[in-house]
Amino acid sequence: MPRTNRGRIPAGVYHVWRRATGPTLMFRDDFDRTSFCNGLAAAHAKSTWTCVAFVLMPTHFHLILDLADDVLQKGMHDLFGPYAQSFNWRWARSGHLRAESYKLRRIEDDRDLLGVVRYIARNPVRDGLCDRPQDWFWGSYQGSAGYWKPFPFVDDTLVLGAIGGDVARARDLLRDIVEPL
């Protein structure tokens, strides 16, 4: 079934997510996750979008993207199409990897942004993948919170700017927002 055209998506900051079809895992191992992150870095370099934050879960992913006008559809096609083809080839499967088209919601203001950052950073804890948000490698939180920065394509300027103050203080406050469970 062909996918429907969403129409023009205006510039702004968006929470974007996509789930795998049925019980299929979207990311089976670290090779899959690395492949997806490499694709995300390439899409970032090629598109006029900024990856503000992300998390990879076994069956889905969440992205926070700062988009130029009308670039999301092409960027998502460039990101997910090659990943899904590679995944299917690697795991000797066929058919759609995604359940349906990606979902998105425009982020309205700094408070909304910090709420979504908190939500996606805590996702691995809620799903029992780790005990603390900073323990999950496959997301941007540990970099934004200042633990270490494994994903250089993530630009956490918007997140830290939403908190305000100098970077060190903003990172401390981000930890206060996200980590108390």
N, C-alpha and C. Protein backbone atom coordinates (compact mmCIF):
# COMPACT_ATOMS: atom_id res chain seq x y z
N MET A 1 0.85 -1.17 0.00
CA MET A 1 0.00 0.00 0.00
C MET A 1 0.90 1.23 0.00
N PRO A 2 0.66 2.18 -0.92
CA PRO A 2 1.51 3.37 -0.94
C PRO A 2 1.23 4.24 0.28
N ARG A 3 2.27 4.93 0.69
CA ARG A 3 2.09 5.81 1.84
C ARG A 3 1.44 7.11 1.39
N THR A 4 0.75 7.75 2.30
CA THR A 4 0.08 8.99 1.97
C THR A 4 1.03 10.16 2.17
N ASN A 5 0.86 11.17 1.36
CA ASN A 5 1.66 12.37 1.48
C ASN A 5 1.10 13.22 2.61
N ARG A 6 1.94 13.62 3.53
CA ARG A 6 1.51 14.42 4.67
C ARG A 6 1.27 15.88 4.31
N GLY A 7 1.77 16.30 3.19
CA GLY A 7 1.72 17.71 2.87
C GLY A 7 2.93 18.42 3.47
N ARG A 8 2.96 19.69 3.34
CA ARG A 8 4.09 20.49 3.80
C ARG A 8 4.13 20.52 5.33
N ILE A 9 5.29 20.25 5.89
CA ILE A 9 5.49 20.34 7.34
C ILE A 9 6.33 21.58 7.59
N PRO A 10 5.75 22.58 8.24
CA PRO A 10 6.47 23.86 8.41
C PRO A 10 7.66 23.74 9.36
N ALA A 11 8.54 24.69 9.25
CA ALA A 11 9.71 24.75 10.12
C ALA A 11 9.26 24.77 11.58
N GLY A 12 10.09 24.18 12.44
CA GLY A 12 9.79 24.15 13.87
C GLY A 12 10.51 22.99 14.53
N VAL A 13 10.24 22.81 15.81
CA VAL A 13 10.81 21.71 16.58
C VAL A 13 9.71 20.67 16.76
N TYR A 14 10.04 19.41 16.45
CA TYR A 14 9.04 18.34 16.46
C TYR A 14 9.54 17.11 17.23
N HIS A 15 8.60 16.45 17.89
CA HIS A 15 8.82 15.12 18.44
C HIS A 15 8.33 14.17 17.36
N VAL A 16 9.23 13.30 16.88
CA VAL A 16 8.93 12.36 15.80
C VAL A 16 9.20 10.96 16.34
N TRP A 17 8.28 10.03 16.08
CA TRP A 17 8.49 8.66 16.53
C TRP A 17 7.93 7.68 15.51
N ARG A 18 8.49 6.47 15.56
CA ARG A 18 8.05 5.41 14.66
C ARG A 18 8.18 4.08 15.37
N ARG A 19 7.20 3.21 15.16
CA ARG A 19 7.18 1.87 15.76
C ARG A 19 7.35 0.81 14.68
N ALA A 20 7.88 -0.34 15.11
CA ALA A 20 8.00 -1.50 14.22
C ALA A 20 6.64 -2.15 14.06
N THR A 21 6.52 -2.94 13.03
CA THR A 21 5.28 -3.65 12.78
C THR A 21 5.15 -4.85 13.72
N GLY A 22 3.95 -5.07 14.21
CA GLY A 22 3.65 -6.24 15.04
C GLY A 22 4.66 -6.46 16.15
N PRO A 23 5.04 -7.71 16.36
CA PRO A 23 5.98 -8.02 17.44
C PRO A 23 7.45 -7.89 17.00
N THR A 24 7.69 -7.41 15.79
CA THR A 24 9.04 -7.32 15.25
C THR A 24 9.87 -6.31 16.03
N LEU A 25 11.10 -6.67 16.31
CA LEU A 25 12.04 -5.71 16.89
C LEU A 25 12.59 -4.84 15.77
N MET A 26 12.69 -3.56 16.02
CA MET A 26 13.27 -2.64 15.05
C MET A 26 14.80 -2.62 15.16
N PHE A 27 15.28 -2.87 16.38
CA PHE A 27 16.72 -2.91 16.66
C PHE A 27 16.99 -4.19 17.45
N ARG A 28 17.63 -5.16 16.83
CA ARG A 28 17.88 -6.44 17.49
C ARG A 28 19.19 -6.46 18.27
N ASP A 29 20.13 -5.65 17.86
CA ASP A 29 21.44 -5.68 18.52
C ASP A 29 22.16 -4.35 18.31
N ASP A 30 23.36 -4.27 18.85
CA ASP A 30 24.10 -3.02 18.76
C ASP A 30 24.52 -2.70 17.33
N PHE A 31 24.69 -3.69 16.48
CA PHE A 31 24.99 -3.43 15.08
C PHE A 31 23.83 -2.67 14.44
N ASP A 32 22.60 -3.13 14.69
CA ASP A 32 21.42 -2.44 14.16
C ASP A 32 21.36 -1.00 14.68
N ARG A 33 21.56 -0.84 15.97
CA ARG A 33 21.49 0.49 16.56
C ARG A 33 22.59 1.41 16.00
N THR A 34 23.79 0.87 15.85
CA THR A 34 24.89 1.65 15.27
C THR A 34 24.57 2.05 13.84
N SER A 35 24.04 1.12 13.08
CA SER A 35 23.66 1.39 11.70
C SER A 35 22.63 2.51 11.63
N PHE A 36 21.64 2.46 12.50
CA PHE A 36 20.61 3.51 12.52
C PHE A 36 21.23 4.85 12.90
N CYS A 37 22.09 4.86 13.92
CA CYS A 37 22.73 6.12 14.34
C CYS A 37 23.61 6.68 13.23
N ASN A 38 24.31 5.81 12.50
CA ASN A 38 25.10 6.28 11.36
C ASN A 38 24.19 6.91 10.30
N GLY A 39 23.04 6.30 10.08
CA GLY A 39 22.07 6.87 9.15
C GLY A 39 21.51 8.19 9.65
N LEU A 40 21.28 8.28 10.94
CA LEU A 40 20.79 9.53 11.53
C LEU A 40 21.83 10.64 11.37
N ALA A 41 23.09 10.30 11.59
CA ALA A 41 24.17 11.28 11.41
C ALA A 41 24.26 11.71 9.94
N ALA A 42 24.12 10.76 9.02
CA ALA A 42 24.17 11.09 7.59
C ALA A 42 22.97 11.95 7.18
N ALA A 43 21.79 11.61 7.71
CA ALA A 43 20.59 12.40 7.41
C ALA A 43 20.75 13.82 7.96
N HIS A 44 21.34 13.92 9.13
CA HIS A 44 21.60 15.23 9.75
C HIS A 44 22.53 16.05 8.86
N ALA A 45 23.58 15.43 8.35
CA ALA A 45 24.54 16.14 7.51
C ALA A 45 23.93 16.55 6.17
N LYS A 46 23.01 15.74 5.66
CA LYS A 46 22.43 15.95 4.34
C LYS A 46 21.21 16.86 4.37
N SER A 47 20.46 16.83 5.45
CA SER A 47 19.20 17.58 5.55
C SER A 47 19.40 18.91 6.25
N THR A 48 18.40 19.73 6.16
CA THR A 48 18.41 20.96 6.94
C THR A 48 17.55 20.75 8.17
N TRP A 49 18.04 19.81 8.99
CA TRP A 49 17.42 19.58 10.28
C TRP A 49 18.53 19.41 11.30
N THR A 50 18.18 19.59 12.54
CA THR A 50 19.11 19.38 13.64
C THR A 50 18.50 18.33 14.56
N CYS A 51 19.30 17.33 14.91
CA CYS A 51 18.85 16.33 15.88
C CYS A 51 19.11 16.91 17.27
N VAL A 52 18.05 17.23 17.96
CA VAL A 52 18.11 17.85 19.28
C VAL A 52 18.25 16.77 20.36
N ALA A 53 17.57 15.64 20.17
CA ALA A 53 17.61 14.53 21.13
C ALA A 53 17.03 13.30 20.44
N PHE A 54 17.38 12.12 20.98
CA PHE A 54 16.82 10.88 20.44
C PHE A 54 16.98 9.78 21.47
N VAL A 55 16.21 8.72 21.26
CA VAL A 55 16.41 7.46 22.00
C VAL A 55 15.97 6.32 21.09
N LEU A 56 16.73 5.24 21.12
CA LEU A 56 16.38 4.02 20.40
C LEU A 56 15.91 2.99 21.40
N MET A 57 14.75 2.44 21.16
CA MET A 57 14.17 1.38 21.97
C MET A 57 14.14 0.12 21.12
N PRO A 58 13.90 -1.04 21.68
CA PRO A 58 13.90 -2.25 20.84
C PRO A 58 12.88 -2.22 19.71
N THR A 59 11.69 -1.66 19.95
CA THR A 59 10.63 -1.70 18.95
C THR A 59 10.30 -0.35 18.32
N HIS A 60 10.97 0.70 18.73
CA HIS A 60 10.65 2.02 18.20
C HIS A 60 11.77 3.01 18.49
N PHE A 61 11.62 4.21 17.94
CA PHE A 61 12.55 5.28 18.25
C PHE A 61 11.79 6.58 18.43
N HIS A 62 12.42 7.50 19.14
CA HIS A 62 11.93 8.86 19.32
C HIS A 62 13.03 9.81 18.88
N LEU A 63 12.65 10.86 18.17
CA LEU A 63 13.58 11.91 17.78
C LEU A 63 12.97 13.25 18.17
N ILE A 64 13.80 14.18 18.55
CA ILE A 64 13.39 15.58 18.62
C ILE A 64 14.23 16.28 17.58
N LEU A 65 13.55 16.86 16.58
CA LEU A 65 14.23 17.47 15.45
C LEU A 65 13.83 18.93 15.32
N ASP A 66 14.81 19.75 15.05
CA ASP A 66 14.58 21.16 14.70
C ASP A 66 14.67 21.22 13.18
N LEU A 67 13.54 21.49 12.55
CA LEU A 67 13.42 21.35 11.10
C LEU A 67 13.33 22.70 10.38
N ALA A 68 13.95 22.75 9.22
CA ALA A 68 13.68 23.83 8.29
C ALA A 68 12.32 23.51 7.63
N ASP A 69 11.83 24.39 6.85
CA ASP A 69 10.52 24.23 6.22
C ASP A 69 10.51 23.05 5.25
N ASP A 70 9.57 22.14 5.44
CA ASP A 70 9.25 21.07 4.50
C ASP A 70 10.42 20.13 4.17
N VAL A 71 11.18 19.70 5.18
CA VAL A 71 12.31 18.79 4.94
C VAL A 71 12.13 17.42 5.62
N LEU A 72 11.12 17.28 6.46
CA LEU A 72 11.01 16.06 7.26
C LEU A 72 10.76 14.82 6.41
N GLN A 73 9.85 14.89 5.46
CA GLN A 73 9.51 13.70 4.68
C GLN A 73 10.71 13.14 3.94
N LYS A 74 11.45 13.97 3.27
CA LYS A 74 12.64 13.50 2.54
C LYS A 74 13.69 12.98 3.52
N GLY A 75 13.90 13.69 4.61
CA GLY A 75 14.89 13.26 5.61
C GLY A 75 14.53 11.91 6.21
N MET A 76 13.26 11.70 6.54
CA MET A 76 12.84 10.42 7.10
C MET A 76 12.96 9.30 6.07
N HIS A 77 12.65 9.62 4.82
CA HIS A 77 12.81 8.62 3.76
C HIS A 77 14.29 8.25 3.62
N ASP A 78 15.15 9.24 3.62
CA ASP A 78 16.60 8.99 3.51
C ASP A 78 17.14 8.23 4.71
N LEU A 79 16.57 8.45 5.88
CA LEU A 79 17.01 7.78 7.10
C LEU A 79 16.47 6.36 7.17
N PHE A 80 15.16 6.21 7.09
CA PHE A 80 14.55 4.93 7.41
C PHE A 80 14.54 3.94 6.25
N GLY A 81 14.42 4.41 5.02
CA GLY A 81 14.39 3.50 3.87
C GLY A 81 15.63 2.61 3.81
N PRO A 82 16.82 3.19 3.77
CA PRO A 82 18.03 2.35 3.73
C PRO A 82 18.19 1.49 4.98
N TYR A 83 17.80 2.03 6.15
CA TYR A 83 17.92 1.23 7.37
C TYR A 83 17.03 -0.01 7.28
N ALA A 84 15.78 0.16 6.87
CA ALA A 84 14.84 -0.96 6.80
C ALA A 84 15.32 -1.99 5.77
N GLN A 85 15.83 -1.54 4.64
CA GLN A 85 16.33 -2.48 3.63
C GLN A 85 17.52 -3.28 4.17
N SER A 86 18.43 -2.59 4.84
CA SER A 86 19.60 -3.25 5.41
C SER A 86 19.18 -4.24 6.51
N PHE A 87 18.25 -3.82 7.36
CA PHE A 87 17.74 -4.68 8.43
C PHE A 87 17.13 -5.95 7.84
N ASN A 88 16.27 -5.79 6.84
CA ASN A 88 15.63 -6.95 6.22
C ASN A 88 16.66 -7.88 5.59
N TRP A 89 17.64 -7.34 4.91
CA TRP A 89 18.67 -8.17 4.30
C TRP A 89 19.46 -8.91 5.38
N ARG A 90 19.87 -8.19 6.40
CA ARG A 90 20.70 -8.78 7.45
C ARG A 90 19.97 -9.90 8.19
N TRP A 91 18.69 -9.69 8.46
CA TRP A 91 17.93 -10.67 9.24
C TRP A 91 17.08 -11.59 8.36
N ALA A 92 17.35 -11.62 7.06
CA ALA A 92 16.66 -12.51 6.11
C ALA A 92 15.14 -12.46 6.27
N ARG A 93 14.64 -11.24 6.26
CA ARG A 93 13.19 -11.07 6.38
C ARG A 93 12.72 -10.19 5.23
N SER A 94 11.43 -10.16 5.02
CA SER A 94 10.86 -9.29 3.98
C SER A 94 9.66 -8.57 4.56
N GLY A 95 9.18 -7.61 3.84
CA GLY A 95 8.02 -6.86 4.28
C GLY A 95 8.40 -5.60 5.02
N HIS A 96 7.39 -4.90 5.45
CA HIS A 96 7.60 -3.63 6.14
C HIS A 96 8.19 -3.85 7.53
N LEU A 97 9.12 -3.00 7.87
CA LEU A 97 9.66 -2.99 9.22
C LEU A 97 8.83 -2.06 10.10
N ARG A 98 8.27 -1.06 9.50
CA ARG A 98 7.48 -0.09 10.26
C ARG A 98 6.01 -0.48 10.30
N ALA A 99 5.37 -0.16 11.40
CA ALA A 99 3.95 -0.46 11.54
C ALA A 99 3.12 0.47 10.65
N GLU A 100 3.47 1.71 10.64
CA GLU A 100 2.79 2.73 9.84
C GLU A 100 3.75 3.90 9.70
N SER A 101 3.30 4.92 9.07
CA SER A 101 4.16 6.08 8.89
C SER A 101 4.55 6.67 10.24
N TYR A 102 5.61 7.42 10.24
CA TYR A 102 6.05 8.05 11.49
C TYR A 102 4.98 9.00 12.00
N LYS A 103 4.99 9.21 13.28
CA LYS A 103 4.08 10.17 13.93
C LYS A 103 4.90 11.39 14.32
N LEU A 104 4.25 12.51 14.42
CA LEU A 104 4.95 13.70 14.86
C LEU A 104 4.00 14.65 15.58
N ARG A 105 4.61 15.43 16.43
CA ARG A 105 3.88 16.47 17.16
C ARG A 105 4.80 17.67 17.29
N ARG A 106 4.28 18.81 16.94
CA ARG A 106 5.07 20.04 17.06
C ARG A 106 5.27 20.37 18.54
N ILE A 107 6.48 20.74 18.90
CA ILE A 107 6.80 21.15 20.27
C ILE A 107 6.58 22.66 20.34
N GLU A 108 5.75 23.06 21.28
CA GLU A 108 5.25 24.43 21.30
C GLU A 108 6.16 25.45 21.98
N ASP A 109 6.86 25.05 23.05
CA ASP A 109 7.65 26.02 23.80
C ASP A 109 8.72 25.28 24.62
N ASP A 110 9.50 26.02 25.39
CA ASP A 110 10.59 25.43 26.17
C ASP A 110 10.09 24.40 27.17
N ARG A 111 8.99 24.68 27.82
CA ARG A 111 8.44 23.73 28.81
C ARG A 111 8.05 22.41 28.14
N ASP A 112 7.41 22.53 26.99
CA ASP A 112 7.02 21.36 26.22
C ASP A 112 8.27 20.58 25.78
N LEU A 113 9.29 21.29 25.31
CA LEU A 113 10.54 20.64 24.90
C LEU A 113 11.15 19.85 26.04
N LEU A 114 11.25 20.45 27.21
CA LEU A 114 11.85 19.76 28.34
C LEU A 114 11.00 18.56 28.79
N GLY A 115 9.69 18.67 28.66
CA GLY A 115 8.82 17.54 28.97
C GLY A 115 9.05 16.37 28.03
N VAL A 116 9.24 16.64 26.74
CA VAL A 116 9.48 15.57 25.78
C VAL A 116 10.88 14.99 25.99
N VAL A 117 11.87 15.83 26.27
CA VAL A 117 13.22 15.35 26.57
C VAL A 117 13.16 14.40 27.75
N ARG A 118 12.46 14.79 28.79
CA ARG A 118 12.32 13.95 29.99
C ARG A 118 11.63 12.62 29.65
N TYR A 119 10.57 12.71 28.87
CA TYR A 119 9.83 11.51 28.48
C TYR A 119 10.71 10.53 27.72
N ILE A 120 11.43 11.01 26.70
CA ILE A 120 12.21 10.06 25.90
C ILE A 120 13.44 9.57 26.67
N ALA A 121 14.03 10.41 27.53
CA ALA A 121 15.18 9.96 28.32
C ALA A 121 14.78 8.87 29.31
N ARG A 122 13.55 8.93 29.82
CA ARG A 122 13.08 7.94 30.79
C ARG A 122 12.49 6.69 30.14
N ASN A 123 12.29 6.71 28.85
CA ASN A 123 11.68 5.58 28.15
C ASN A 123 12.39 4.26 28.42
N PRO A 124 13.73 4.19 28.35
CA PRO A 124 14.40 2.91 28.63
C PRO A 124 14.22 2.42 30.07
N VAL A 125 14.09 3.34 31.02
CA VAL A 125 13.86 2.95 32.41
C VAL A 125 12.46 2.36 32.54
N ARG A 126 11.46 3.02 31.95
CA ARG A 126 10.08 2.52 32.00
C ARG A 126 9.96 1.12 31.39
N ASP A 127 10.75 0.87 30.35
CA ASP A 127 10.68 -0.44 29.69
C ASP A 127 11.62 -1.48 30.30
N GLY A 128 12.28 -1.13 31.41
CA GLY A 128 13.12 -2.08 32.13
C GLY A 128 14.46 -2.38 31.46
N LEU A 129 14.92 -1.50 30.59
CA LEU A 129 16.19 -1.72 29.90
C LEU A 129 17.39 -1.25 30.71
N CYS A 130 17.15 -0.37 31.67
CA CYS A 130 18.22 0.14 32.54
C CYS A 130 17.56 0.69 33.80
N ASP A 131 18.39 1.01 34.78
CA ASP A 131 17.87 1.52 36.05
C ASP A 131 17.75 3.04 36.08
N ARG A 132 18.62 3.71 35.32
CA ARG A 132 18.64 5.17 35.33
C ARG A 132 18.76 5.68 33.89
N PRO A 133 18.17 6.83 33.57
CA PRO A 133 18.24 7.34 32.20
C PRO A 133 19.67 7.45 31.68
N GLN A 134 20.59 7.84 32.51
CA GLN A 134 21.98 8.03 32.08
C GLN A 134 22.70 6.71 31.79
N ASP A 135 22.08 5.59 32.14
CA ASP A 135 22.69 4.28 31.89
C ASP A 135 22.41 3.75 30.47
N TRP A 136 21.43 4.32 29.78
CA TRP A 136 21.08 3.82 28.46
C TRP A 136 21.97 4.48 27.42
N PHE A 137 22.79 3.68 26.75
CA PHE A 137 23.74 4.21 25.79
C PHE A 137 23.06 4.75 24.54
N TRP A 138 21.98 4.13 24.10
CA TRP A 138 21.39 4.40 22.80
C TRP A 138 20.40 5.55 22.82
N GLY A 139 20.87 6.67 23.31
CA GLY A 139 20.10 7.90 23.33
C GLY A 139 21.02 9.07 23.57
N SER A 140 20.47 10.23 23.47
CA SER A 140 21.27 11.45 23.58
C SER A 140 21.36 12.00 24.99
N TYR A 141 20.59 11.45 25.92
CA TYR A 141 20.52 12.06 27.24
C TYR A 141 21.88 12.17 27.93
N GLN A 142 22.67 11.11 27.94
CA GLN A 142 23.94 11.16 28.67
C GLN A 142 24.84 12.27 28.13
N GLY A 143 24.75 12.57 26.86
CA GLY A 143 25.53 13.67 26.30
C GLY A 143 24.99 15.03 26.73
N SER A 144 23.68 15.19 26.65
CA SER A 144 23.07 16.47 27.04
C SER A 144 23.26 16.75 28.52
N ALA A 145 23.24 15.69 29.34
CA ALA A 145 23.39 15.86 30.79
C ALA A 145 24.86 15.98 31.21
N GLY A 146 25.77 15.84 30.25
CA GLY A 146 27.18 16.06 30.55
C GLY A 146 27.95 14.86 31.07
N TYR A 147 27.38 13.66 30.98
CA TYR A 147 28.10 12.47 31.41
C TYR A 147 29.21 12.14 30.41
N TRP A 148 28.84 12.03 29.15
CA TRP A 148 29.77 11.88 28.03
C TRP A 148 28.96 12.00 26.76
N LYS A 149 29.60 12.27 25.66
CA LYS A 149 28.87 12.59 24.43
C LYS A 149 29.24 11.61 23.31
N PRO A 150 28.56 10.47 23.25
CA PRO A 150 28.89 9.48 22.23
C PRO A 150 28.35 9.79 20.83
N PHE A 151 27.43 10.74 20.71
CA PHE A 151 26.78 11.01 19.43
C PHE A 151 26.99 12.47 19.03
N PRO A 152 28.05 12.76 18.29
CA PRO A 152 28.38 14.15 17.97
C PRO A 152 27.38 14.84 17.05
N PHE A 153 26.49 14.08 16.40
CA PHE A 153 25.49 14.70 15.53
C PHE A 153 24.35 15.34 16.33
N VAL A 154 24.27 15.07 17.62
CA VAL A 154 23.22 15.65 18.46
C VAL A 154 23.66 17.05 18.89
N ASP A 155 22.77 18.01 18.67
CA ASP A 155 23.03 19.39 19.09
C ASP A 155 22.05 19.72 20.22
N ASP A 156 22.54 19.73 21.45
CA ASP A 156 21.66 19.95 22.60
C ASP A 156 21.55 21.42 22.98
N THR A 157 21.91 22.32 22.08
CA THR A 157 21.82 23.76 22.35
C THR A 157 20.40 24.18 22.73
N LEU A 158 19.39 23.69 22.00
CA LEU A 158 18.00 24.05 22.31
C LEU A 158 17.58 23.55 23.69
N VAL A 159 17.97 22.33 24.02
CA VAL A 159 17.60 21.75 25.31
C VAL A 159 18.22 22.56 26.44
N LEU A 160 19.51 22.79 26.36
CA LEU A 160 20.19 23.53 27.42
C LEU A 160 19.74 24.99 27.44
N GLY A 161 19.47 25.54 26.28
CA GLY A 161 18.97 26.92 26.20
C GLY A 161 17.58 27.06 26.81
N ALA A 162 16.77 26.01 26.73
CA ALA A 162 15.44 26.04 27.33
C ALA A 162 15.52 26.14 28.85
N ILE A 163 16.62 25.67 29.40
CA ILE A 163 16.83 25.74 30.84
C ILE A 163 17.44 27.08 31.21
N GLY A 164 18.40 27.52 30.41
CA GLY A 164 19.03 28.82 30.63
C GLY A 164 20.26 28.73 31.51
N GLY A 165 20.97 29.84 31.60
CA GLY A 165 22.18 29.90 32.40
C GLY A 165 23.37 29.36 31.62
N ASP A 166 24.48 29.21 32.32
CA ASP A 166 25.66 28.66 31.65
C ASP A 166 25.46 27.16 31.44
N VAL A 167 26.28 26.59 30.57
CA VAL A 167 26.11 25.19 30.16
C VAL A 167 26.20 24.24 31.35
N ALA A 168 27.18 24.43 32.21
CA ALA A 168 27.35 23.52 33.36
C ALA A 168 26.11 23.54 34.25
N ARG A 169 25.61 24.73 34.53
CA ARG A 169 24.41 24.86 35.38
C ARG A 169 23.19 24.25 34.68
N ALA A 170 23.06 24.48 33.36
CA ALA A 170 21.93 23.92 32.61
C ALA A 170 21.98 22.39 32.63
N ARG A 171 23.17 21.81 32.52
CA ARG A 171 23.29 20.35 32.58
C ARG A 171 22.88 19.81 33.96
N ASP A 172 23.29 20.51 35.01
CA ASP A 172 22.88 20.11 36.36
C ASP A 172 21.36 20.16 36.52
N LEU A 173 20.76 21.23 36.01
CA LEU A 173 19.30 21.36 36.12
C LEU A 173 18.58 20.32 35.25
N LEU A 174 19.17 19.99 34.09
CA LEU A 174 18.58 18.94 33.25
C LEU A 174 18.57 17.62 34.02
N ARG A 175 19.64 17.32 34.72
CA ARG A 175 19.67 16.10 35.54
C ARG A 175 18.58 16.14 36.60
N ASP A 176 18.36 17.30 37.20
CA ASP A 176 17.29 17.43 38.21
C ASP A 176 15.91 17.20 37.60
N ILE A 177 15.74 17.58 36.34
CA ILE A 177 14.45 17.42 35.66
C ILE A 177 14.21 15.95 35.29
N VAL A 178 15.25 15.28 34.80
CA VAL A 178 15.08 13.95 34.21
C VAL A 178 15.26 12.81 35.22
N GLU A 179 16.26 12.91 36.06
CA GLU A 179 16.68 11.73 36.82
C GLU A 179 15.83 11.34 38.02
N PRO A 180 15.22 12.23 38.74
CA PRO A 180 14.40 11.74 39.85
C PRO A 180 13.23 10.90 39.34
N LEU A 181 13.20 9.65 39.73
CA LEU A 181 12.15 8.75 39.21
C LEU A 181 11.04 8.52 40.20
